[in-house]
Amino acid sequence: MPGPNRRNRNQPRPKVNNPFKTLKRLLGIIFKRYKIHMLFVLICIVVSVLANVQGTLFIQSLIDDYITPMLSQPTPDFTPLLMAIVRVACFYLIGAGAAYAQAKIMVYVTQGTMKDLRSEIFSHMESLPIKYFDTHPHGDIMSVYTNDIDTLRQMISQSLVQVFNSVITIISTLASMIFLSIPLTGVTLVMVVVMLFITKNIAGKSGKYFVAQQNDLGTENGYIEEMMNGQKVVKVFNHEKKSIEEFKELNDKLFKSSYNANKFANILMPINAQIGNISYVLCGIIGGALALSGA
C-alpha cells in the first residue's frame, strides 16, 4: 500500500559518483579538527610497526650472534643473550604502549567526529523543505543517523588506522625482506599477487551485496514505520494479509542480500589464511634448499 512517505522499493538509492572525493572530504573534516591527535596517531603507528619488525629481525641475530657461538663454548655465558632479550622486550613494551595510545586517541577522534557529523546532519535536515520528508521514507532518514554513521565510525576507528598501519608495515617489512633474501622476497611477492587477485574478486562480490543490504534495510524500516503509523487504515481496508505478504517479500530480500554479503565476507579470511600457509611452506622449502646449497 503506497504512502506519501514511502519510496518505491524498486528505485535505487543514489550512488556515490566520486568515492575518493568523499573520502578526501571526510579526511579533511578529521584532520581539520583533530590534526594534532592524528599526528600523534601516525607517530604511534610508526613506533608500533618498527617495534614489531625489529622483534622479528632479532630472531636472526639471536641464532647467529648468541646461540650458535655458545654451542662451541665449554662454559656458555648467558649474560649477553639475557641483555639482548631484555632489550628486545623493552622494544616490544614500547610498541605495545604506542598501540594502546593510538587506540585511545582514535576513540576520542572517532566519537568527536561522529558527534560533529550528527550535529551537522541534524542542522542540515532542519533546513530541508517538507517535500523532502514526504518523498523519503522515515526509515531511510533514520538510517542516516544510525547505520550510515555507524559505518563511518567503523571506517574511522578501524579501517583508516588499519590502512596507515598496513602501508607502514608493508614498507618496513619489504625493506627487511630484501635485505635478508631477494629470492625468498620474490616468492612472497608472487603469493601476495595471488592473494590480492582472489581478495579483489571475493571482496567485490561482498561489497555489492553489502550495498544491497543497506538499501533493503532502509526500505524495510520505512515500510515497517508506514504500517505502524497507518494501522487504522490497514484495519479499515482489510489490508492485513497484503501487508504481511509485502513485508515477507521485503524481509526475504533483506535476508538474501545479508546472507550473500556475510557469506563472501566470512570466507575471505580463511582463504587468505590458507594462501598464507602455502606461502610459508614454499618459503621454508626454497629457503632450506638455498641454505643447503650455500647460497
C-alpha atoms as a PDB file:
ATOM      1  CA  MET A   1       0.000   0.000   0.000  1.00  0.00           C
ATOM      2  CA  PRO A   2       1.917   3.063  -1.211  1.00  0.00           C
ATOM      3  CA  GLY A   3       2.088   6.065   1.073  1.00  0.00           C
ATOM      4  CA  PRO A   4       3.270   9.642   0.744  1.00  0.00           C
ATOM      5  CA  ASN A   5       6.478   8.952   2.670  1.00  0.00           C
ATOM      6  CA  ARG A   6       7.374   5.699   1.019  1.00  0.00           C
ATOM      7  CA  ARG A   7       9.905   5.429  -1.789  1.00  0.00           C
ATOM      8  CA  ASN A   8       9.378   2.793  -4.448  1.00  0.00           C
ATOM      9  CA  ARG A   9      11.411  -0.178  -3.316  1.00  0.00           C
ATOM     10  CA  ASN A  10      12.498  -0.826  -6.917  1.00  0.00           C
ATOM     11  CA  GLN A  11      14.024   2.647  -7.123  1.00  0.00           C
ATOM     12  CA  PRO A  12      17.793   2.521  -6.495  1.00  0.00           C
ATOM     13  CA  ARG A  13      19.367   4.680  -3.859  1.00  0.00           C
ATOM     14  CA  PRO A  14      21.718   7.431  -5.014  1.00  0.00           C
ATOM     15  CA  LYS A  15      25.225   6.214  -5.793  1.00  0.00           C
ATOM     16  CA  VAL A  16      28.445   7.971  -4.893  1.00  0.00           C
ATOM     17  CA  ASN A  17      29.887   9.223  -8.149  1.00  0.00           C
ATOM     18  CA  ASN A  18      33.333  10.005  -6.752  1.00  0.00           C
ATOM     19  CA  PRO A  19      34.154   7.950  -3.634  1.00  0.00           C
ATOM     20  CA  PHE A  20      37.720   9.298  -3.464  1.00  0.00           C
ATOM     21  CA  LYS A  21      36.370  12.841  -3.324  1.00  0.00           C
ATOM     22  CA  THR A  22      34.077  11.798  -0.477  1.00  0.00           C
ATOM     23  CA  LEU A  23      36.993  10.137   1.328  1.00  0.00           C
ATOM     24  CA  LYS A  24      39.106  13.251   0.839  1.00  0.00           C
ATOM     25  CA  ARG A  25      36.298  15.372   2.273  1.00  0.00           C
ATOM     26  CA  LEU A  26      35.980  13.084   5.309  1.00  0.00           C
ATOM     27  CA  LEU A  27      39.732  13.139   5.902  1.00  0.00           C
ATOM     28  CA  GLY A  28      39.626  16.917   5.596  1.00  0.00           C
ATOM     29  CA  ILE A  29      36.998  17.071   8.348  1.00  0.00           C
ATOM     30  CA  ILE A  30      39.034  14.794  10.608  1.00  0.00           C
ATOM     31  CA  PHE A  31      42.404  16.484  10.102  1.00  0.00           C
ATOM     32  CA  LYS A  32      40.899  19.970  10.309  1.00  0.00           C
ATOM     33  CA  ARG A  33      39.532  19.377  13.806  1.00  0.00           C
ATOM     34  CA  TYR A  34      41.944  16.750  15.114  1.00  0.00           C
ATOM     35  CA  LYS A  35      45.216  17.477  13.307  1.00  0.00           C
ATOM     36  CA  ILE A  36      47.423  17.154  16.410  1.00  0.00           C
ATOM     37  CA  HIS A  37      45.657  13.974  17.504  1.00  0.00           C
ATOM     38  CA  MET A  38      46.087  12.356  14.087  1.00  0.00           C
ATOM     39  CA  LEU A  39      49.760  13.342  14.054  1.00  0.00           C
ATOM     40  CA  PHE A  40      50.265  11.521  17.354  1.00  0.00           C
ATOM     41  CA  VAL A  41      48.349   8.546  15.952  1.00  0.00           C
ATOM     42  CA  LEU A  42      50.690   8.352  12.947  1.00  0.00           C
ATOM     43  CA  ILE A  43      53.734   8.551  15.210  1.00  0.00           C
ATOM     44  CA  CYS A  44      52.323   5.780  17.433  1.00  0.00           C
ATOM     45  CA  ILE A  45      51.625   3.589  14.403  1.00  0.00           C
ATOM     46  CA  VAL A  46      55.206   4.023  13.126  1.00  0.00           C
ATOM     47  CA  VAL A  47      56.663   3.219  16.554  1.00  0.00           C
ATOM     48  CA  SER A  48      54.434   0.156  16.957  1.00  0.00           C
ATOM     49  CA  VAL A  49      55.276  -1.210  13.498  1.00  0.00           C
ATOM     50  CA  LEU A  50      59.013  -0.670  13.852  1.00  0.00           C
ATOM     51  CA  ALA A  51      58.968  -2.340  17.272  1.00  0.00           C
ATOM     52  CA  ASN A  52      57.320  -5.438  15.810  1.00  0.00           C
ATOM     53  CA  VAL A  53      59.637  -5.538  12.792  1.00  0.00           C
ATOM     54  CA  GLN A  54      62.813  -5.279  14.873  1.00  0.00           C
ATOM     55  CA  GLY A  55      61.499  -8.068  17.088  1.00  0.00           C
ATOM     56  CA  THR A  56      61.150 -10.294  14.049  1.00  0.00           C
ATOM     57  CA  LEU A  57      64.625  -9.413  12.760  1.00  0.00           C
ATOM     58  CA  PHE A  58      66.070 -10.215  16.185  1.00  0.00           C
ATOM     59  CA  ILE A  59      65.475 -13.925  15.539  1.00  0.00           C
ATOM     60  CA  GLN A  60      68.353 -13.960  13.023  1.00  0.00           C
ATOM     61  CA  SER A  61      70.640 -12.121  15.408  1.00  0.00           C
ATOM     62  CA  LEU A  62      69.570 -14.386  18.261  1.00  0.00           C
ATOM     63  CA  ILE A  63      70.655 -17.516  16.416  1.00  0.00           C
ATOM     64  CA  ASP A  64      73.749 -16.229  14.596  1.00  0.00           C
ATOM     65  CA  ASP A  65      75.234 -13.931  17.235  1.00  0.00           C
ATOM     66  CA  TYR A  66      74.233 -15.559  20.521  1.00  0.00           C
ATOM     67  CA  ILE A  67      73.020 -19.171  20.373  1.00  0.00           C
ATOM     68  CA  THR A  68      75.424 -20.542  17.723  1.00  0.00           C
ATOM     69  CA  PRO A  69      78.613 -19.142  19.386  1.00  0.00           C
ATOM     70  CA  MET A  70      77.533 -20.517  22.766  1.00  0.00           C
ATOM     71  CA  LEU A  71      77.275 -24.036  21.332  1.00  0.00           C
ATOM     72  CA  SER A  72      81.050 -24.115  20.879  1.00  0.00           C
ATOM     73  CA  GLN A  73      81.826 -22.671  24.323  1.00  0.00           C
ATOM     74  CA  PRO A  74      82.664 -25.128  27.119  1.00  0.00           C
ATOM     75  CA  THR A  75      81.056 -22.817  29.710  1.00  0.00           C
ATOM     76  CA  PRO A  76      78.485 -20.657  27.900  1.00  0.00           C
ATOM     77  CA  ASP A  77      77.961 -17.119  29.184  1.00  0.00           C
ATOM     78  CA  PHE A  78      74.263 -16.295  29.033  1.00  0.00           C
ATOM     79  CA  THR A  79      74.666 -12.665  30.111  1.00  0.00           C
ATOM     80  CA  PRO A  80      74.886 -11.169  26.574  1.00  0.00           C
ATOM     81  CA  LEU A  81      71.896 -13.252  25.496  1.00  0.00           C
ATOM     82  CA  LEU A  82      69.887 -12.120  28.519  1.00  0.00           C
ATOM     83  CA  MET A  83      70.705  -8.465  27.865  1.00  0.00           C
ATOM     84  CA  ALA A  84      69.678  -8.803  24.205  1.00  0.00           C
ATOM     85  CA  ILE A  85      66.370 -10.410  25.175  1.00  0.00           C
ATOM     86  CA  VAL A  86      65.697  -7.657  27.720  1.00  0.00           C
ATOM     87  CA  ARG A  87      66.458  -5.041  25.071  1.00  0.00           C
ATOM     88  CA  VAL A  88      64.010  -6.617  22.621  1.00  0.00           C
ATOM     89  CA  ALA A  89      61.394  -6.931  25.389  1.00  0.00           C
ATOM     90  CA  CYS A  90      61.741  -3.193  26.009  1.00  0.00           C
ATOM     91  CA  PHE A  91      61.126  -2.532  22.309  1.00  0.00           C
ATOM     92  CA  TYR A  92      58.013  -4.700  22.445  1.00  0.00           C
ATOM     93  CA  LEU A  93      56.768  -2.838  25.522  1.00  0.00           C
ATOM     94  CA  ILE A  94      57.282   0.475  23.735  1.00  0.00           C
ATOM     95  CA  GLY A  95      55.368  -0.881  20.740  1.00  0.00           C
ATOM     96  CA  ALA A  96      52.522  -2.085  22.942  1.00  0.00           C
ATOM     97  CA  GLY A  97      52.364   1.281  24.683  1.00  0.00           C
ATOM     98  CA  ALA A  98      52.273   3.075  21.336  1.00  0.00           C
ATOM     99  CA  ALA A  99      49.462   0.800  20.109  1.00  0.00           C
ATOM    100  CA  TYR A 100      47.486   1.457  23.292  1.00  0.00           C
ATOM    101  CA  ALA A 101      47.963   5.226  23.000  1.00  0.00           C
ATOM    102  CA  GLN A 102      46.936   5.122  19.328  1.00  0.00           C
ATOM    103  CA  ALA A 103      43.744   3.211  20.183  1.00  0.00           C
ATOM    104  CA  LYS A 104      42.822   5.625  22.992  1.00  0.00           C
ATOM    105  CA  ILE A 105      43.382   8.685  20.812  1.00  0.00           C
ATOM    106  CA  MET A 106      41.356   7.213  17.940  1.00  0.00           C
ATOM    107  CA  VAL A 107      38.418   6.591  20.266  1.00  0.00           C
ATOM    108  CA  TYR A 108      38.383  10.286  21.112  1.00  0.00           C
ATOM    109  CA  VAL A 109      38.792  11.309  17.461  1.00  0.00           C
ATOM    110  CA  THR A 110      36.112   8.889  16.248  1.00  0.00           C
ATOM    111  CA  GLN A 111      33.462   9.816  18.796  1.00  0.00           C
ATOM    112  CA  GLY A 112      34.175  13.518  18.407  1.00  0.00           C
ATOM    113  CA  THR A 113      33.866  13.283  14.625  1.00  0.00           C
ATOM    114  CA  MET A 114      30.620  11.310  14.895  1.00  0.00           C
ATOM    115  CA  LYS A 115      29.194  13.911  17.278  1.00  0.00           C
ATOM    116  CA  ASP A 116      30.086  16.718  14.884  1.00  0.00           C
ATOM    117  CA  LEU A 117      28.658  14.869  11.884  1.00  0.00           C
ATOM    118  CA  ARG A 118      25.375  14.081  13.637  1.00  0.00           C
ATOM    119  CA  SER A 119      25.019  17.716  14.666  1.00  0.00           C
ATOM    120  CA  GLU A 120      25.735  18.931  11.133  1.00  0.00           C
ATOM    121  CA  ILE A 121      23.319  16.420   9.599  1.00  0.00           C
ATOM    122  CA  PHE A 122      20.569  17.395  12.041  1.00  0.00           C
ATOM    123  CA  SER A 123      21.107  21.109  11.403  1.00  0.00           C
ATOM    124  CA  HIS A 124      21.052  20.488   7.655  1.00  0.00           C
ATOM    125  CA  MET A 125      17.861  18.439   7.821  1.00  0.00           C
ATOM    126  CA  GLU A 126      16.126  21.198   9.766  1.00  0.00           C
ATOM    127  CA  SER A 127      16.694  23.470   6.761  1.00  0.00           C
ATOM    128  CA  LEU A 128      15.237  20.993   4.234  1.00  0.00           C
ATOM    129  CA  PRO A 129      11.736  21.570   2.834  1.00  0.00           C
ATOM    130  CA  ILE A 130       8.803  19.424   3.919  1.00  0.00           C
ATOM    131  CA  LYS A 131       8.765  17.868   0.442  1.00  0.00           C
ATOM    132  CA  TYR A 132      11.991  16.040   1.269  1.00  0.00           C
ATOM    133  CA  PHE A 133      10.404  14.242   4.221  1.00  0.00           C
ATOM    134  CA  ASP A 134       7.270  13.456   2.185  1.00  0.00           C
ATOM    135  CA  THR A 135       9.278  11.858  -0.617  1.00  0.00           C
ATOM    136  CA  HIS A 136      11.783   9.920   1.515  1.00  0.00           C
ATOM    137  CA  PRO A 137      10.910   7.025   3.870  1.00  0.00           C
ATOM    138  CA  HIS A 138      11.399   7.821   7.531  1.00  0.00           C
ATOM    139  CA  GLY A 139      13.336   4.574   7.832  1.00  0.00           C
ATOM    140  CA  ASP A 140      15.884   5.794   5.281  1.00  0.00           C
ATOM    141  CA  ILE A 141      16.218   9.118   7.086  1.00  0.00           C
ATOM    142  CA  MET A 142      16.772   7.428  10.458  1.00  0.00           C
ATOM    143  CA  SER A 143      19.206   5.034   8.780  1.00  0.00           C
ATOM    144  CA  VAL A 144      21.480   8.008   8.079  1.00  0.00           C
ATOM    145  CA  TYR A 145      21.793   8.677  11.834  1.00  0.00           C
ATOM    146  CA  THR A 146      22.207   5.015  12.780  1.00  0.00           C
ATOM    147  CA  ASN A 147      23.578   2.658  10.121  1.00  0.00           C
ATOM    148  CA  ASP A 148      25.451   5.195   7.972  1.00  0.00           C
ATOM    149  CA  ILE A 149      27.016   6.999  10.929  1.00  0.00           C
ATOM    150  CA  ASP A 150      27.977   3.670  12.496  1.00  0.00           C
ATOM    151  CA  THR A 151      29.609   2.627   9.216  1.00  0.00           C
ATOM    152  CA  LEU A 152      31.628   5.841   9.285  1.00  0.00           C
ATOM    153  CA  ARG A 153      32.588   5.106  12.887  1.00  0.00           C
ATOM    154  CA  GLN A 154      33.992   1.729  11.885  1.00  0.00           C
ATOM    155  CA  MET A 155      35.764   3.283   8.936  1.00  0.00           C
ATOM    156  CA  ILE A 156      37.466   5.967  11.034  1.00  0.00           C
ATOM    157  CA  SER A 157      38.307   3.893  14.100  1.00  0.00           C
ATOM    158  CA  GLN A 158      39.333   0.687  12.317  1.00  0.00           C
ATOM    159  CA  SER A 159      39.721   0.887   8.550  1.00  0.00           C
ATOM    160  CA  LEU A 160      41.520   4.242   8.404  1.00  0.00           C
ATOM    161  CA  VAL A 161      44.038   3.253  11.080  1.00  0.00           C
ATOM    162  CA  GLN A 162      44.495  -0.151   9.505  1.00  0.00           C
ATOM    163  CA  VAL A 163      45.344   1.434   6.156  1.00  0.00           C
ATOM    164  CA  PHE A 164      48.072   3.583   7.712  1.00  0.00           C
ATOM    165  CA  ASN A 165      49.336   0.626   9.722  1.00  0.00           C
ATOM    166  CA  SER A 166      49.374  -1.649   6.674  1.00  0.00           C
ATOM    167  CA  VAL A 167      51.229   0.843   4.474  1.00  0.00           C
ATOM    168  CA  ILE A 168      53.983   1.382   7.043  1.00  0.00           C
ATOM    169  CA  THR A 169      54.165  -2.359   7.778  1.00  0.00           C
ATOM    170  CA  ILE A 170      54.450  -3.243   4.093  1.00  0.00           C
ATOM    171  CA  ILE A 171      57.237  -0.726   3.502  1.00  0.00           C
ATOM    172  CA  SER A 172      59.284  -1.734   6.542  1.00  0.00           C
ATOM    173  CA  THR A 173      58.708  -5.463   6.036  1.00  0.00           C
ATOM    174  CA  LEU A 174      59.561  -5.331   2.327  1.00  0.00           C
ATOM    175  CA  ALA A 175      62.801  -3.490   3.079  1.00  0.00           C
ATOM    176  CA  SER A 176      63.719  -6.112   5.686  1.00  0.00           C
ATOM    177  CA  MET A 177      62.874  -8.985   3.340  1.00  0.00           C
ATOM    178  CA  ILE A 178      65.019  -7.592   0.519  1.00  0.00           C
ATOM    179  CA  PHE A 179      67.869  -7.102   2.976  1.00  0.00           C
ATOM    180  CA  LEU A 180      67.635 -10.719   4.152  1.00  0.00           C
ATOM    181  CA  SER A 181      66.945 -12.649   0.906  1.00  0.00           C
ATOM    182  CA  ILE A 182      65.961 -11.464  -2.562  1.00  0.00           C
ATOM    183  CA  PRO A 183      64.828 -14.927  -3.869  1.00  0.00           C
ATOM    184  CA  LEU A 184      62.505 -15.504  -0.914  1.00  0.00           C
ATOM    185  CA  THR A 185      61.199 -11.976  -1.310  1.00  0.00           C
ATOM    186  CA  GLY A 186      60.288 -12.812  -4.916  1.00  0.00           C
ATOM    187  CA  VAL A 187      58.391 -15.935  -3.831  1.00  0.00           C
ATOM    188  CA  THR A 188      56.485 -13.974  -1.211  1.00  0.00           C
ATOM    189  CA  LEU A 189      55.565 -11.212  -3.664  1.00  0.00           C
ATOM    190  CA  VAL A 190      54.181 -13.763  -6.134  1.00  0.00           C
ATOM    191  CA  MET A 191      51.948 -15.220  -3.413  1.00  0.00           C
ATOM    192  CA  VAL A 192      50.866 -11.699  -2.439  1.00  0.00           C
ATOM    193  CA  VAL A 193      49.760 -11.073  -6.028  1.00  0.00           C
ATOM    194  CA  VAL A 194      47.712 -14.289  -5.943  1.00  0.00           C
ATOM    195  CA  MET A 195      46.158 -13.264  -2.631  1.00  0.00           C
ATOM    196  CA  LEU A 196      45.295  -9.790  -3.926  1.00  0.00           C
ATOM    197  CA  PHE A 197      43.650 -11.231  -7.028  1.00  0.00           C
ATOM    198  CA  ILE A 198      41.443 -13.586  -5.000  1.00  0.00           C
ATOM    199  CA  THR A 199      40.662 -10.892  -2.431  1.00  0.00           C
ATOM    200  CA  LYS A 200      39.627  -8.430  -5.138  1.00  0.00           C
ATOM    201  CA  ASN A 201      37.123 -10.861  -6.625  1.00  0.00           C
ATOM    202  CA  ILE A 202      35.602 -12.012  -3.334  1.00  0.00           C
ATOM    203  CA  ALA A 203      35.557  -8.545  -1.736  1.00  0.00           C
ATOM    204  CA  GLY A 204      33.924  -7.117  -4.856  1.00  0.00           C
ATOM    205  CA  LYS A 205      31.047  -9.559  -4.562  1.00  0.00           C
ATOM    206  CA  SER A 206      30.760  -8.959  -0.823  1.00  0.00           C
ATOM    207  CA  GLY A 207      30.729  -5.178  -1.274  1.00  0.00           C
ATOM    208  CA  LYS A 208      27.969  -5.391  -3.873  1.00  0.00           C
ATOM    209  CA  TYR A 209      25.740  -7.338  -1.502  1.00  0.00           C
ATOM    210  CA  PHE A 210      26.556  -5.079   1.465  1.00  0.00           C
ATOM    211  CA  VAL A 211      25.312  -2.105  -0.548  1.00  0.00           C
ATOM    212  CA  ALA A 212      22.162  -4.069  -1.382  1.00  0.00           C
ATOM    213  CA  GLN A 213      21.782  -4.958   2.314  1.00  0.00           C
ATOM    214  CA  GLN A 214      21.845  -1.289   3.331  1.00  0.00           C
ATOM    215  CA  ASN A 215      19.281  -0.429   0.635  1.00  0.00           C
ATOM    216  CA  ASP A 216      16.992  -3.293   1.643  1.00  0.00           C
ATOM    217  CA  LEU A 217      17.323  -2.408   5.333  1.00  0.00           C
ATOM    218  CA  GLY A 218      16.269   1.191   4.710  1.00  0.00           C
ATOM    219  CA  THR A 219      13.343   0.063   2.567  1.00  0.00           C
ATOM    220  CA  GLU A 220      12.142  -2.414   5.200  1.00  0.00           C
ATOM    221  CA  ASN A 221      12.476   0.136   8.011  1.00  0.00           C
ATOM    222  CA  GLY A 222      10.440   2.617   6.004  1.00  0.00           C
ATOM    223  CA  TYR A 223       7.754   0.014   5.285  1.00  0.00           C
ATOM    224  CA  ILE A 224       7.513  -1.020   8.949  1.00  0.00           C
ATOM    225  CA  GLU A 225       7.143   2.584  10.084  1.00  0.00           C
ATOM    226  CA  GLU A 226       4.496   3.231   7.449  1.00  0.00           C
ATOM    227  CA  MET A 227       2.466   0.211   8.517  1.00  0.00           C
ATOM    228  CA  MET A 228       2.768   1.099  12.209  1.00  0.00           C
ATOM    229  CA  ASN A 229       1.653   4.680  11.630  1.00  0.00           C
ATOM    230  CA  GLY A 230      -1.177   3.591   9.337  1.00  0.00           C
ATOM    231  CA  GLN A 231      -2.608   0.716  11.375  1.00  0.00           C
ATOM    232  CA  LYS A 232      -6.094   2.196  11.364  1.00  0.00           C
ATOM    233  CA  VAL A 233      -6.072   2.495   7.563  1.00  0.00           C
ATOM    234  CA  VAL A 234      -4.821  -1.077   7.263  1.00  0.00           C
ATOM    235  CA  LYS A 235      -7.649  -2.317   9.521  1.00  0.00           C
ATOM    236  CA  VAL A 236     -10.363  -0.288   7.782  1.00  0.00           C
ATOM    237  CA  PHE A 237      -9.482  -1.583   4.327  1.00  0.00           C
ATOM    238  CA  ASN A 238      -8.676  -5.166   5.471  1.00  0.00           C
ATOM    239  CA  HIS A 239      -5.124  -4.808   4.213  1.00  0.00           C
ATOM    240  CA  GLU A 240      -3.533  -7.080   6.846  1.00  0.00           C
ATOM    241  CA  LYS A 241      -2.900 -10.045   4.572  1.00  0.00           C
ATOM    242  CA  LYS A 242      -1.459  -7.891   1.793  1.00  0.00           C
ATOM    243  CA  SER A 243       0.765  -6.045   4.275  1.00  0.00           C
ATOM    244  CA  ILE A 244       2.122  -9.323   5.656  1.00  0.00           C
ATOM    245  CA  GLU A 245       2.851 -10.589   2.146  1.00  0.00           C
ATOM    246  CA  GLU A 246       4.670  -7.382   1.217  1.00  0.00           C
ATOM    247  CA  PHE A 247       6.648  -7.480   4.469  1.00  0.00           C
ATOM    248  CA  LYS A 248       7.650 -11.096   3.856  1.00  0.00           C
ATOM    249  CA  GLU A 249       8.820 -10.122   0.386  1.00  0.00           C
ATOM    250  CA  LEU A 250      10.950  -7.269   1.756  1.00  0.00           C
ATOM    251  CA  ASN A 251      12.234  -9.426   4.615  1.00  0.00           C
ATOM    252  CA  ASP A 252      13.243 -12.241   2.240  1.00  0.00           C
ATOM    253  CA  LYS A 253      15.059  -9.755   0.030  1.00  0.00           C
ATOM    254  CA  LEU A 254      16.947  -8.390   3.045  1.00  0.00           C
ATOM    255  CA  PHE A 255      17.771 -11.935   4.162  1.00  0.00           C
ATOM    256  CA  LYS A 256      19.244 -12.837   0.767  1.00  0.00           C
ATOM    257  CA  SER A 257      21.379  -9.710   0.491  1.00  0.00           C
ATOM    258  CA  SER A 258      22.603 -10.055   4.102  1.00  0.00           C
ATOM    259  CA  TYR A 259      23.336 -13.754   3.648  1.00  0.00           C
ATOM    260  CA  ASN A 260      25.367 -13.211   0.483  1.00  0.00           C
ATOM    261  CA  ALA A 261      27.214 -10.202   1.913  1.00  0.00           C
ATOM    262  CA  ASN A 262      28.307 -12.069   5.049  1.00  0.00           C
ATOM    263  CA  LYS A 263      28.948 -15.294   3.156  1.00  0.00           C
ATOM    264  CA  PHE A 264      31.617 -13.744   0.947  1.00  0.00           C
ATOM    265  CA  ALA A 265      32.983 -11.622   3.798  1.00  0.00           C
ATOM    266  CA  ASN A 266      33.355 -14.651   6.104  1.00  0.00           C
ATOM    267  CA  ILE A 267      35.127 -16.899   3.595  1.00  0.00           C
ATOM    268  CA  LEU A 268      37.661 -14.228   2.684  1.00  0.00           C
ATOM    269  CA  MET A 269      39.832 -14.552   5.804  1.00  0.00           C
ATOM    270  CA  PRO A 270      40.043 -18.387   5.787  1.00  0.00           C
ATOM    271  CA  ILE A 271      41.047 -18.336   2.106  1.00  0.00           C
ATOM    272  CA  ASN A 272      43.737 -15.728   2.732  1.00  0.00           C
ATOM    273  CA  ALA A 273      44.947 -17.695   5.756  1.00  0.00           C
ATOM    274  CA  GLN A 274      45.403 -20.842   3.646  1.00  0.00           C
ATOM    275  CA  ILE A 275      47.237 -18.875   0.947  1.00  0.00           C
ATOM    276  CA  GLY A 276      49.487 -17.521   3.700  1.00  0.00           C
ATOM    277  CA  ASN A 277      50.174 -21.082   4.892  1.00  0.00           C
ATOM    278  CA  ILE A 278      51.087 -22.140   1.347  1.00  0.00           C
ATOM    279  CA  SER A 279      53.423 -19.154   1.061  1.00  0.00           C
ATOM    280  CA  TYR A 280      55.004 -20.101   4.401  1.00  0.00           C
ATOM    281  CA  VAL A 281      55.616 -23.674   3.227  1.00  0.00           C
ATOM    282  CA  LEU A 282      57.093 -22.530  -0.095  1.00  0.00           C
ATOM    283  CA  CYS A 283      59.438 -20.113   1.650  1.00  0.00           C
ATOM    284  CA  GLY A 284      60.520 -22.881   4.019  1.00  0.00           C
ATOM    285  CA  ILE A 285      61.254 -25.327   1.195  1.00  0.00           C
ATOM    286  CA  ILE A 286      63.051 -22.810  -1.015  1.00  0.00           C
ATOM    287  CA  GLY A 287      64.903 -21.272   1.925  1.00  0.00           C
ATOM    288  CA  GLY A 288      66.060 -24.721   3.051  1.00  0.00           C
ATOM    289  CA  ALA A 289      67.246 -25.547  -0.447  1.00  0.00           C
ATOM    290  CA  LEU A 290      69.170 -22.269  -0.646  1.00  0.00           C
ATOM    291  CA  ALA A 291      70.734 -22.892   2.764  1.00  0.00           C
ATOM    292  CA  LEU A 292      71.839 -26.423   1.800  1.00  0.00           C
ATOM    293  CA  SER A 293      73.336 -25.167  -1.458  1.00  0.00           C
ATOM    294  CA  GLY A 294      75.253 -22.476   0.400  1.00  0.00           C
ATOM    295  CA  ALA A 295      73.544 -19.616  -1.432  1.00  0.00           C
END
